Amino acid sequence: MNFPHNHRLVTTADFKSVFDKSNKVSQRCLLVLFKPNQKSHARLGLVIGKRAINRAVDRNRTKRILRESFRHYQEKLTGFDVIVIARQKCDKLTKQKLREGIDQLWEKLLTHS
């Protein structure tokens, strides 16, 4: 399954609405902000800054892993706008640990909502 444009948060207004009126779940390296939307699908926004992950290769790897995890949970997350923010030292995690961490946050989000 691909990651179509309408399943992404792209505009500043989209991001601002989630930042302003959101709930959150977090762990050491990742913070997930979420709010209900009026759509029949979930939308994802990623904030992966240079401060959190210095090298571009590592930032891109992290984004790929987060998007892939989102694809697997997309059906369960229907009706949410979600922003995932990487915190410092996130690049030190292995692919497996990062994937386990984001999957745990999706589950936490679903029980939280």
PDB file of N, CA and C in Angstrom:
ATOM      1  N   MET A   1       0.850  -1.184   0.000  1.00  0.00           N
ATOM      2  CA  MET A   1       0.000   0.000   0.000  1.00  0.00           C
ATOM      3  C   MET A   1       0.896   1.248   0.000  1.00  0.00           C
ATOM      4  N   ASN A   2       0.559   2.203  -0.808  1.00  0.00           N
ATOM      5  CA  ASN A   2       1.364   3.423  -0.879  1.00  0.00           C
ATOM      6  C   ASN A   2       0.901   4.448   0.153  1.00  0.00           C
ATOM      7  N   PHE A   3       1.473   5.619   0.081  1.00  0.00           N
ATOM      8  CA  PHE A   3       1.186   6.680   1.044  1.00  0.00           C
ATOM      9  C   PHE A   3       0.669   7.889   0.268  1.00  0.00           C
ATOM     10  N   PRO A   4      -0.624   7.889  -0.082  1.00  0.00           N
ATOM     11  CA  PRO A   4      -1.155   8.941  -0.952  1.00  0.00           C
ATOM     12  C   PRO A   4      -1.137  10.329  -0.310  1.00  0.00           C
ATOM     13  N   HIS A   5      -1.207  11.321  -1.146  1.00  0.00           N
ATOM     14  CA  HIS A   5      -1.123  12.721  -0.727  1.00  0.00           C
ATOM     15  C   HIS A   5      -2.224  13.094   0.268  1.00  0.00           C
ATOM     16  N   ASN A   6      -3.416  12.557   0.088  1.00  0.00           N
ATOM     17  CA  ASN A   6      -4.511  12.932   0.983  1.00  0.00           C
ATOM     18  C   ASN A   6      -4.406  12.271   2.363  1.00  0.00           C
ATOM     19  N   HIS A   7      -3.418  11.404   2.566  1.00  0.00           N
ATOM     20  CA  HIS A   7      -3.164  10.805   3.877  1.00  0.00           C
ATOM     21  C   HIS A   7      -2.011  11.499   4.602  1.00  0.00           C
ATOM     22  N   ARG A   8      -1.616  12.665   4.104  1.00  0.00           N
ATOM     23  CA  ARG A   8      -0.521  13.421   4.701  1.00  0.00           C
ATOM     24  C   ARG A   8      -1.021  14.764   5.220  1.00  0.00           C
ATOM     25  N   LEU A   9      -0.378  15.244   6.267  1.00  0.00           N
ATOM     26  CA  LEU A   9      -0.582  16.628   6.691  1.00  0.00           C
ATOM     27  C   LEU A   9       0.468  17.428   5.931  1.00  0.00           C
ATOM     28  N   VAL A  10       0.043  18.364   5.102  1.00  0.00           N
ATOM     29  CA  VAL A  10       1.011  19.091   4.286  1.00  0.00           C
ATOM     30  C   VAL A  10       1.029  20.589   4.534  1.00  0.00           C
ATOM     31  N   THR A  11      -0.114  21.176   4.768  1.00  0.00           N
ATOM     32  CA  THR A  11      -0.141  22.631   4.897  1.00  0.00           C
ATOM     33  C   THR A  11       0.180  23.062   6.327  1.00  0.00           C
ATOM     34  N   THR A  12       0.586  24.289   6.449  1.00  0.00           N
ATOM     35  CA  THR A  12       0.861  24.867   7.761  1.00  0.00           C
ATOM     36  C   THR A  12      -0.395  24.835   8.623  1.00  0.00           C
ATOM     37  N   ALA A  13      -1.525  25.091   8.023  1.00  0.00           N
ATOM     38  CA  ALA A  13      -2.793  25.083   8.767  1.00  0.00           C
ATOM     39  C   ALA A  13      -3.102  23.695   9.320  1.00  0.00           C
ATOM     40  N   ASP A  14      -2.804  22.651   8.542  1.00  0.00           N
ATOM     41  CA  ASP A  14      -3.010  21.280   9.015  1.00  0.00           C
ATOM     42  C   ASP A  14      -2.177  21.014  10.266  1.00  0.00           C
ATOM     43  N   PHE A  15      -0.903  21.354  10.185  1.00  0.00           N
ATOM     44  CA  PHE A  15      -0.003  21.137  11.316  1.00  0.00           C
ATOM     45  C   PHE A  15      -0.424  21.979  12.516  1.00  0.00           C
ATOM     46  N   LYS A  16      -0.772  23.245  12.259  1.00  0.00           N
ATOM     47  CA  LYS A  16      -1.147  24.151  13.346  1.00  0.00           C
ATOM     48  C   LYS A  16      -2.378  23.642  14.095  1.00  0.00           C
ATOM     49  N   SER A  17      -3.339  23.123  13.362  1.00  0.00           N
ATOM     50  CA  SER A  17      -4.552  22.638  14.024  1.00  0.00           C
ATOM     51  C   SER A  17      -4.240  21.480  14.969  1.00  0.00           C
ATOM     52  N   VAL A  18      -3.318  20.622  14.597  1.00  0.00           N
ATOM     53  CA  VAL A  18      -2.951  19.509  15.480  1.00  0.00           C
ATOM     54  C   VAL A  18      -2.124  20.005  16.659  1.00  0.00           C
ATOM     55  N   PHE A  19      -1.189  20.917  16.407  1.00  0.00           N
ATOM     56  CA  PHE A  19      -0.370  21.460  17.499  1.00  0.00           C
ATOM     57  C   PHE A  19      -1.230  22.209  18.513  1.00  0.00           C
ATOM     58  N   ASP A  20      -2.246  22.924  18.037  1.00  0.00           N
ATOM     59  CA  ASP A  20      -3.071  23.744  18.930  1.00  0.00           C
ATOM     60  C   ASP A  20      -4.031  22.930  19.789  1.00  0.00           C
ATOM     61  N   LYS A  21      -4.674  21.944  19.195  1.00  0.00           N
ATOM     62  CA  LYS A  21      -5.732  21.229  19.915  1.00  0.00           C
ATOM     63  C   LYS A  21      -5.464  19.737  19.895  1.00  0.00           C
ATOM     64  N   SER A  22      -4.402  19.309  20.541  1.00  0.00           N
ATOM     65  CA  SER A  22      -4.063  17.907  20.424  1.00  0.00           C
ATOM     66  C   SER A  22      -3.902  17.224  21.773  1.00  0.00           C
ATOM     67  N   ASN A  23      -4.022  15.919  21.724  1.00  0.00           N
ATOM     68  CA  ASN A  23      -3.651  15.050  22.828  1.00  0.00           C
ATOM     69  C   ASN A  23      -2.269  14.515  22.485  1.00  0.00           C
ATOM     70  N   LYS A  24      -1.605  13.908  23.448  1.00  0.00           N
ATOM     71  CA  LYS A  24      -0.282  13.387  23.126  1.00  0.00           C
ATOM     72  C   LYS A  24       0.002  12.101  23.874  1.00  0.00           C
ATOM     73  N   VAL A  25       0.826  11.294  23.238  1.00  0.00           N
ATOM     74  CA  VAL A  25       1.413  10.114  23.853  1.00  0.00           C
ATOM     75  C   VAL A  25       2.891  10.176  23.505  1.00  0.00           C
ATOM     76  N   SER A  26       3.734   9.685  24.411  1.00  0.00           N
ATOM     77  CA  SER A  26       5.164   9.819  24.141  1.00  0.00           C
ATOM     78  C   SER A  26       5.962   8.711  24.790  1.00  0.00           C
ATOM     79  N   GLN A  27       7.190   8.670  24.387  1.00  0.00           N
ATOM     80  CA  GLN A  27       8.202   7.833  24.995  1.00  0.00           C
ATOM     81  C   GLN A  27       9.508   8.591  24.876  1.00  0.00           C
ATOM     82  N   ARG A  28      10.605   7.936  25.175  1.00  0.00           N
ATOM     83  CA  ARG A  28      11.879   8.635  25.254  1.00  0.00           C
ATOM     84  C   ARG A  28      12.273   9.347  23.950  1.00  0.00           C
ATOM     85  N   CYS A  29      12.096   8.697  22.831  1.00  0.00           N
ATOM     86  CA  CYS A  29      12.579   9.264  21.562  1.00  0.00           C
ATOM     87  C   CYS A  29      11.498   9.823  20.641  1.00  0.00           C
ATOM     88  N   LEU A  30      10.246   9.512  20.903  1.00  0.00           N
ATOM     89  CA  LEU A  30       9.175   9.947  20.004  1.00  0.00           C
ATOM     90  C   LEU A  30       8.029  10.571  20.783  1.00  0.00           C
ATOM     91  N   LEU A  31       7.441  11.589  20.168  1.00  0.00           N
ATOM     92  CA  LEU A  31       6.245  12.225  20.707  1.00  0.00           C
ATOM     93  C   LEU A  31       5.193  12.191  19.604  1.00  0.00           C
ATOM     94  N   VAL A  32       3.993  11.741  19.949  1.00  0.00           N
ATOM     95  CA  VAL A  32       2.903  11.678  18.978  1.00  0.00           C
ATOM     96  C   VAL A  32       1.786  12.602  19.446  1.00  0.00           C
ATOM     97  N   LEU A  33       1.461  13.590  18.618  1.00  0.00           N
ATOM     98  CA  LEU A  33       0.335  14.485  18.866  1.00  0.00           C
ATOM     99  C   LEU A  33      -0.798  14.038  17.958  1.00  0.00           C
ATOM    100  N   PHE A  34      -2.014  14.037  18.472  1.00  0.00           N
ATOM    101  CA  PHE A  34      -3.132  13.601  17.638  1.00  0.00           C
ATOM    102  C   PHE A  34      -4.409  14.332  18.014  1.00  0.00           C
ATOM    103  N   LYS A  35      -5.279  14.452  17.015  1.00  0.00           N
ATOM    104  CA  LYS A  35      -6.617  15.017  17.247  1.00  0.00           C
ATOM    105  C   LYS A  35      -7.563  14.394  16.237  1.00  0.00           C
ATOM    106  N   PRO A  36      -8.824  14.286  16.598  1.00  0.00           N
ATOM    107  CA  PRO A  36      -9.800  13.729  15.649  1.00  0.00           C
ATOM    108  C   PRO A  36      -9.965  14.649  14.438  1.00  0.00           C
ATOM    109  N   ASN A  37     -10.185  14.059  13.289  1.00  0.00           N
ATOM    110  CA  ASN A  37     -10.522  14.841  12.101  1.00  0.00           C
ATOM    111  C   ASN A  37     -11.882  14.377  11.594  1.00  0.00           C
ATOM    112  N   GLN A  38     -12.418  15.060  10.633  1.00  0.00           N
ATOM    113  CA  GLN A  38     -13.737  14.735  10.100  1.00  0.00           C
ATOM    114  C   GLN A  38     -13.632  13.925   8.812  1.00  0.00           C
ATOM    115  N   LYS A  39     -12.514  13.251   8.631  1.00  0.00           N
ATOM    116  CA  LYS A  39     -12.274  12.513   7.396  1.00  0.00           C
ATOM    117  C   LYS A  39     -12.445  11.013   7.631  1.00  0.00           C
ATOM    118  N   SER A  40     -12.541  10.279   6.544  1.00  0.00           N
ATOM    119  CA  SER A  40     -12.718   8.832   6.644  1.00  0.00           C
ATOM    120  C   SER A  40     -11.380   8.093   6.691  1.00  0.00           C
ATOM    121  N   HIS A  41     -10.298   8.845   6.839  1.00  0.00           N
ATOM    122  CA  HIS A  41      -8.971   8.237   6.895  1.00  0.00           C
ATOM    123  C   HIS A  41      -8.081   9.041   7.847  1.00  0.00           C
ATOM    124  N   ALA A  42      -6.988   8.429   8.247  1.00  0.00           N
ATOM    125  CA  ALA A  42      -6.018   9.109   9.109  1.00  0.00           C
ATOM    126  C   ALA A  42      -5.031   9.874   8.238  1.00  0.00           C
ATOM    127  N   ARG A  43      -4.471  10.944   8.809  1.00  0.00           N
ATOM    128  CA  ARG A  43      -3.440  11.709   8.096  1.00  0.00           C
ATOM    129  C   ARG A  43      -2.220  11.825   8.999  1.00  0.00           C
ATOM    130  N   LEU A  44      -1.039  11.761   8.390  1.00  0.00           N
ATOM    131  CA  LEU A  44       0.222  11.754   9.129  1.00  0.00           C
ATOM    132  C   LEU A  44       1.087  12.937   8.753  1.00  0.00           C
ATOM    133  N   GLY A  45       1.699  13.548   9.766  1.00  0.00           N
ATOM    134  CA  GLY A  45       2.711  14.573   9.567  1.00  0.00           C
ATOM    135  C   GLY A  45       3.942  14.179  10.367  1.00  0.00           C
ATOM    136  N   LEU A  46       5.114  14.416   9.810  1.00  0.00           N
ATOM    137  CA  LEU A  46       6.362  14.064  10.487  1.00  0.00           C
ATOM    138  C   LEU A  46       7.181  15.317  10.748  1.00  0.00           C
ATOM    139  N   VAL A  47       7.745  15.417  11.944  1.00  0.00           N
ATOM    140  CA  VAL A  47       8.659  16.497  12.281  1.00  0.00           C
ATOM    141  C   VAL A  47       9.950  15.837  12.750  1.00  0.00           C
ATOM    142  N   ILE A  48      10.914  15.797  11.848  1.00  0.00           N
ATOM    143  CA  ILE A  48      12.193  15.145  12.133  1.00  0.00           C
ATOM    144  C   ILE A  48      13.277  16.197  11.893  1.00  0.00           C
ATOM    145  N   GLY A  49      13.684  16.878  12.943  1.00  0.00           N
ATOM    146  CA  GLY A  49      14.616  17.985  12.800  1.00  0.00           C
ATOM    147  C   GLY A  49      16.076  17.589  12.884  1.00  0.00           C
ATOM    148  N   LYS A  50      16.936  18.501  12.449  1.00  0.00           N
ATOM    149  CA  LYS A  50      18.375  18.265  12.498  1.00  0.00           C
ATOM    150  C   LYS A  50      18.889  18.155  13.925  1.00  0.00           C
ATOM    151  N   ARG A  51      18.250  18.844  14.841  1.00  0.00           N
ATOM    152  CA  ARG A  51      18.683  18.755  16.237  1.00  0.00           C
ATOM    153  C   ARG A  51      18.465  17.362  16.796  1.00  0.00           C
ATOM    154  N   ALA A  52      17.370  16.756  16.393  1.00  0.00           N
ATOM    155  CA  ALA A  52      17.054  15.419  16.892  1.00  0.00           C
ATOM    156  C   ALA A  52      17.912  14.356  16.203  1.00  0.00           C
ATOM    157  N   ILE A  53      18.031  14.472  14.887  1.00  0.00           N
ATOM    158  CA  ILE A  53      18.786  13.487  14.103  1.00  0.00           C
ATOM    159  C   ILE A  53      19.682  14.265  13.141  1.00  0.00           C
ATOM    160  N   ASN A  54      20.947  14.241  13.407  1.00  0.00           N
ATOM    161  CA  ASN A  54      21.889  15.103  12.702  1.00  0.00           C
ATOM    162  C   ASN A  54      22.068  14.761  11.223  1.00  0.00           C
ATOM    163  N   ARG A  55      22.272  13.493  10.906  1.00  0.00           N
ATOM    164  CA  ARG A  55      22.587  13.116   9.529  1.00  0.00           C
ATOM    165  C   ARG A  55      21.326  12.895   8.696  1.00  0.00           C
ATOM    166  N   ALA A  56      21.339  13.394   7.468  1.00  0.00           N
ATOM    167  CA  ALA A  56      20.185  13.268   6.569  1.00  0.00           C
ATOM    168  C   ALA A  56      19.831  11.806   6.308  1.00  0.00           C
ATOM    169  N   VAL A  57      20.825  10.961   6.196  1.00  0.00           N
ATOM    170  CA  VAL A  57      20.590   9.537   5.961  1.00  0.00           C
ATOM    171  C   VAL A  57      19.749   8.951   7.096  1.00  0.00           C
ATOM    172  N   ASP A  58      20.089   9.322   8.311  1.00  0.00           N
ATOM    173  CA  ASP A  58      19.360   8.815   9.475  1.00  0.00           C
ATOM    174  C   ASP A  58      17.954   9.414   9.567  1.00  0.00           C
ATOM    175  N   ARG A  59      17.812  10.687   9.215  1.00  0.00           N
ATOM    176  CA  ARG A  59      16.480  11.305   9.209  1.00  0.00           C
ATOM    177  C   ARG A  59      15.577  10.605   8.204  1.00  0.00           C
ATOM    178  N   ASN A  60      16.087  10.340   7.015  1.00  0.00           N
ATOM    179  CA  ASN A  60      15.300   9.678   5.977  1.00  0.00           C
ATOM    180  C   ASN A  60      14.937   8.251   6.373  1.00  0.00           C
ATOM    181  N   ARG A  61      15.865   7.538   6.998  1.00  0.00           N
ATOM    182  CA  ARG A  61      15.599   6.172   7.470  1.00  0.00           C
ATOM    183  C   ARG A  61      14.476   6.198   8.503  1.00  0.00           C
ATOM    184  N   THR A  62      14.563   7.158   9.414  1.00  0.00           N
ATOM    185  CA  THR A  62      13.539   7.285  10.458  1.00  0.00           C
ATOM    186  C   THR A  62      12.176   7.569   9.834  1.00  0.00           C
ATOM    187  N   LYS A  63      12.127   8.474   8.870  1.00  0.00           N
ATOM    188  CA  LYS A  63      10.861   8.790   8.212  1.00  0.00           C
ATOM    189  C   LYS A  63      10.282   7.568   7.510  1.00  0.00           C
ATOM    190  N   ARG A  64      11.126   6.798   6.837  1.00  0.00           N
ATOM    191  CA  ARG A  64      10.645   5.597   6.150  1.00  0.00           C
ATOM    192  C   ARG A  64      10.021   4.613   7.130  1.00  0.00           C
ATOM    193  N   ILE A  65      10.696   4.411   8.252  1.00  0.00           N
ATOM    194  CA  ILE A  65      10.194   3.477   9.262  1.00  0.00           C
ATOM    195  C   ILE A  65       8.875   3.969   9.850  1.00  0.00           C
ATOM    196  N   LEU A  66       8.789   5.265  10.144  1.00  0.00           N
ATOM    197  CA  LEU A  66       7.564   5.820  10.720  1.00  0.00           C
ATOM    198  C   LEU A  66       6.402   5.740   9.734  1.00  0.00           C
ATOM    199  N   ARG A  67       6.661   6.042   8.458  1.00  0.00           N
ATOM    200  CA  ARG A  67       5.597   5.957   7.446  1.00  0.00           C
ATOM    201  C   ARG A  67       5.126   4.521   7.258  1.00  0.00           C
ATOM    202  N   GLU A  68       6.067   3.585   7.249  1.00  0.00           N
ATOM    203  CA  GLU A  68       5.703   2.181   7.082  1.00  0.00           C
ATOM    204  C   GLU A  68       4.832   1.698   8.243  1.00  0.00           C
ATOM    205  N   SER A  69       5.191   2.079   9.443  1.00  0.00           N
ATOM    206  CA  SER A  69       4.404   1.709  10.615  1.00  0.00           C
ATOM    207  C   SER A  69       3.004   2.331  10.522  1.00  0.00           C
ATOM    208  N   PHE A  70       2.940   3.587  10.099  1.00  0.00           N
ATOM    209  CA  PHE A  70       1.649   4.270   9.935  1.00  0.00           C
ATOM    210  C   PHE A  70       0.771   3.526   8.931  1.00  0.00           C
ATOM    211  N   ARG A  71       1.370   3.061   7.835  1.00  0.00           N
ATOM    212  CA  ARG A  71       0.609   2.317   6.830  1.00  0.00           C
ATOM    213  C   ARG A  71      -0.056   1.087   7.434  1.00  0.00           C
ATOM    214  N   HIS A  72       0.663   0.400   8.322  1.00  0.00           N
ATOM    215  CA  HIS A  72       0.119  -0.808   8.934  1.00  0.00           C
ATOM    216  C   HIS A  72      -1.010  -0.498   9.925  1.00  0.00           C
ATOM    217  N   TYR A  73      -0.949   0.655  10.563  1.00  0.00           N
ATOM    218  CA  TYR A  73      -1.968   1.027  11.552  1.00  0.00           C
ATOM    219  C   TYR A  73      -3.038   1.963  11.000  1.00  0.00           C
ATOM    220  N   GLN A  74      -2.954   2.304   9.736  1.00  0.00           N
ATOM    221  CA  GLN A  74      -3.823   3.296   9.119  1.00  0.00           C
ATOM    222  C   GLN A  74      -5.308   2.979   9.299  1.00  0.00           C
ATOM    223  N   GLU A  75      -5.678   1.725   9.127  1.00  0.00           N
ATOM    224  CA  GLU A  75      -7.087   1.337   9.255  1.00  0.00           C
ATOM    225  C   GLU A  75      -7.594   1.573  10.676  1.00  0.00           C
ATOM    226  N   LYS A  76      -6.772   1.283  11.672  1.00  0.00           N
ATOM    227  CA  LYS A  76      -7.173   1.454  13.068  1.00  0.00           C
ATOM    228  C   LYS A  76      -7.215   2.927  13.466  1.00  0.00           C
ATOM    229  N   LEU A  77      -6.380   3.746  12.831  1.00  0.00           N
ATOM    230  CA  LEU A  77      -6.261   5.158  13.190  1.00  0.00           C
ATOM    231  C   LEU A  77      -7.232   6.050  12.412  1.00  0.00           C
ATOM    232  N   THR A  78      -8.183   5.468  11.730  1.00  0.00           N
ATOM    233  CA  THR A  78      -9.139   6.225  10.923  1.00  0.00           C
ATOM    234  C   THR A  78      -9.771   7.341  11.751  1.00  0.00           C
ATOM    235  N   GLY A  79      -9.792   8.533  11.171  1.00  0.00           N
ATOM    236  CA  GLY A  79     -10.430   9.665  11.840  1.00  0.00           C
ATOM    237  C   GLY A  79      -9.497  10.493  12.706  1.00  0.00           C
ATOM    238  N   PHE A  80      -8.185  10.312  12.558  1.00  0.00           N
ATOM    239  CA  PHE A  80      -7.229  11.096  13.334  1.00  0.00           C
ATOM    240  C   PHE A  80      -6.239  11.815  12.432  1.00  0.00           C
ATOM    241  N   ASP A  81      -5.859  13.018  12.849  1.00  0.00           N
ATOM    242  CA  ASP A  81      -4.685  13.691  12.304  1.00  0.00           C
ATOM    243  C   ASP A  81      -3.578  13.464  13.311  1.00  0.00           C
ATOM    244  N   VAL A  82      -2.428  12.994  12.848  1.00  0.00           N
ATOM    245  CA  VAL A  82      -1.344  12.589  13.741  1.00  0.00           C
ATOM    246  C   VAL A  82      -0.047  13.265  13.310  1.00  0.00           C
ATOM    247  N   ILE A  83       0.689  13.783  14.283  1.00  0.00           N
ATOM    248  CA  ILE A  83       2.036  14.306  14.026  1.00  0.00           C
ATOM    249  C   ILE A  83       3.004  13.524  14.899  1.00  0.00           C
ATOM    250  N   VAL A  84       4.060  12.999  14.287  1.00  0.00           N
ATOM    251  CA  VAL A  84       5.103  12.303  15.024  1.00  0.00           C
ATOM    252  C   VAL A  84       6.331  13.204  15.051  1.00  0.00           C
ATOM    253  N   ILE A  85       6.837  13.475  16.256  1.00  0.00           N
ATOM    254  CA  ILE A  85       7.998  14.328  16.434  1.00  0.00           C
ATOM    255  C   ILE A  85       9.136  13.487  16.996  1.00  0.00           C
ATOM    256  N   ALA A  86      10.285  13.545  16.328  1.00  0.00           N
ATOM    257  CA  ALA A  86      11.460  12.820  16.804  1.00  0.00           C
ATOM    258  C   ALA A  86      12.194  13.670  17.828  1.00  0.00           C
ATOM    259  N   ARG A  87      12.611  13.032  18.892  1.00  0.00           N
ATOM    260  CA  ARG A  87      13.385  13.714  19.920  1.00  0.00           C
ATOM    261  C   ARG A  87      14.863  13.362  19.763  1.00  0.00           C
ATOM    262  N   GLN A  88      15.696  14.038  20.531  1.00  0.00           N
ATOM    263  CA  GLN A  88      17.134  13.795  20.431  1.00  0.00           C
ATOM    264  C   GLN A  88      17.477  12.348  20.746  1.00  0.00           C
ATOM    265  N   LYS A  89      18.539  11.896  20.137  1.00  0.00           N
ATOM    266  CA  LYS A  89      19.069  10.548  20.290  1.00  0.00           C
ATOM    267  C   LYS A  89      18.185   9.479  19.639  1.00  0.00           C
ATOM    268  N   CYS A  90      17.216   9.905  18.870  1.00  0.00           N
ATOM    269  CA  CYS A  90      16.344   8.966  18.164  1.00  0.00           C
ATOM    270  C   CYS A  90      17.145   8.184  17.120  1.00  0.00           C
ATOM    271  N   ASP A  91      18.188   8.798  16.586  1.00  0.00           N
ATOM    272  CA  ASP A  91      19.005   8.129  15.566  1.00  0.00           C
ATOM    273  C   ASP A  91      19.856   7.002  16.144  1.00  0.00           C
ATOM    274  N   LYS A  92      19.963   6.922  17.457  1.00  0.00           N
ATOM    275  CA  LYS A  92      20.757   5.870  18.091  1.00  0.00           C
ATOM    276  C   LYS A  92      19.998   4.545  18.158  1.00  0.00           C
ATOM    277  N   LEU A  93      18.681   4.601  17.928  1.00  0.00           N
ATOM    278  CA  LEU A  93      17.873   3.387  17.976  1.00  0.00           C
ATOM    279  C   LEU A  93      18.071   2.549  16.723  1.00  0.00           C
ATOM    280  N   THR A  94      18.006   1.234  16.891  1.00  0.00           N
ATOM    281  CA  THR A  94      18.036   0.355  15.727  1.00  0.00           C
ATOM    282  C   THR A  94      16.675   0.447  15.029  1.00  0.00           C
ATOM    283  N   LYS A  95      16.625  -0.041  13.808  1.00  0.00           N
ATOM    284  CA  LYS A  95      15.351  -0.037  13.067  1.00  0.00           C
ATOM    285  C   LYS A  95      14.281  -0.774  13.850  1.00  0.00           C
ATOM    286  N   GLN A  96      14.664  -1.908  14.417  1.00  0.00           N
ATOM    287  CA  GLN A  96      13.700  -2.729  15.150  1.00  0.00           C
ATOM    288  C   GLN A  96      13.179  -2.006  16.386  1.00  0.00           C
ATOM    289  N   LYS A  97      14.060  -1.362  17.148  1.00  0.00           N
ATOM    290  CA  LYS A  97      13.640  -0.649  18.356  1.00  0.00           C
ATOM    291  C   LYS A  97      12.744   0.536  18.001  1.00  0.00           C
ATOM    292  N   LEU A  98      13.094   1.256  16.924  1.00  0.00           N
ATOM    293  CA  LEU A  98      12.279   2.388  16.486  1.00  0.00           C
ATOM    294  C   LEU A  98      10.893   1.911  16.085  1.00  0.00           C
ATOM    295  N   ARG A  99      10.837   0.823  15.328  1.00  0.00           N
ATOM    296  CA  ARG A  99       9.549   0.282  14.887  1.00  0.00           C
ATOM    297  C   ARG A  99       8.720  -0.192  16.082  1.00  0.00           C
ATOM    298  N   GLU A 100       9.353  -0.877  17.017  1.00  0.00           N
ATOM    299  CA  GLU A 100       8.636  -1.328  18.212  1.00  0.00           C
ATOM    300  C   GLU A 100       8.103  -0.132  19.000  1.00  0.00           C
ATOM    301  N   GLY A 101       8.917   0.915  19.099  1.00  0.00           N
ATOM    302  CA  GLY A 101       8.516   2.109  19.840  1.00  0.00           C
ATOM    303  C   GLY A 101       7.315   2.803  19.228  1.00  0.00           C
ATOM    304  N   ILE A 102       7.320   2.988  17.909  1.00  0.00           N
ATOM    305  CA  ILE A 102       6.195   3.684  17.272  1.00  0.00           C
ATOM    306  C   ILE A 102       4.948   2.803  17.295  1.00  0.00           C
ATOM    307  N   ASP A 103       5.120   1.495  17.154  1.00  0.00           N
ATOM    308  CA  ASP A 103       3.960   0.597  17.232  1.00  0.00           C
ATOM    309  C   ASP A 103       3.324   0.660  18.622  1.00  0.00           C
ATOM    310  N   GLN A 104       4.141   0.743  19.657  1.00  0.00           N
ATOM    311  CA  GLN A 104       3.618   0.875  21.020  1.00  0.00           C
ATOM    312  C   GLN A 104       2.844   2.186  21.176  1.00  0.00           C
ATOM    313  N   LEU A 105       3.370   3.253  20.565  1.00  0.00           N
ATOM    314  CA  LEU A 105       2.674   4.539  20.651  1.00  0.00           C
ATOM    315  C   LEU A 105       1.343   4.514  19.908  1.00  0.00           C
ATOM    316  N   TRP A 106       1.267   3.814  18.773  1.00  0.00           N
ATOM    317  CA  TRP A 106      -0.016   3.701  18.064  1.00  0.00           C
ATOM    318  C   TRP A 106      -1.030   3.005  18.959  1.00  0.00           C
ATOM    319  N   GLU A 107      -0.604   1.918  19.615  1.00  0.00           N
ATOM    320  CA  GLU A 107      -1.507   1.185  20.510  1.00  0.00           C
ATOM    321  C   GLU A 107      -1.952   2.066  21.679  1.00  0.00           C
ATOM    322  N   LYS A 108      -1.011   2.832  22.214  1.00  0.00           N
ATOM    323  CA  LYS A 108      -1.318   3.736  23.326  1.00  0.00           C
ATOM    324  C   LYS A 108      -2.322   4.802  22.867  1.00  0.00           C
ATOM    325  N   LEU A 109      -2.117   5.325  21.667  1.00  0.00           N
ATOM    326  CA  LEU A 109      -3.024   6.332  21.097  1.00  0.00           C
ATOM    327  C   LEU A 109      -4.435   5.764  20.981  1.00  0.00           C
ATOM    328  N   LEU A 110      -4.538   4.531  20.512  1.00  0.00           N
ATOM    329  CA  LEU A 110      -5.850   3.923  20.308  1.00  0.00           C
ATOM    330  C   LEU A 110      -6.579   3.707  21.634  1.00  0.00           C
ATOM    331  N   THR A 111      -5.849   3.389  22.692  1.00  0.00           N
ATOM    332  CA  THR A 111      -6.494   3.203  23.989  1.00  0.00           C
ATOM    333  C   THR A 111      -6.777   4.554  24.656  1.00  0.00           C
ATOM    334  N   HIS A 112      -5.984   5.565  24.298  1.00  0.00           N
ATOM    335  CA  HIS A 112      -6.099   6.896  24.877  1.00  0.00           C
ATOM    336  C   HIS A 112      -7.304   7.641  24.328  1.00  0.00           C
ATOM    337  N   SER A 113      -7.654   7.373  23.077  1.00  0.00           N
ATOM    338  CA  SER A 113      -8.715   8.143  22.415  1.00  0.00           C
ATOM    339  C   SER A 113     -10.099   7.672  22.756  1.00  0.00           C
TER     340      SER A 113
END
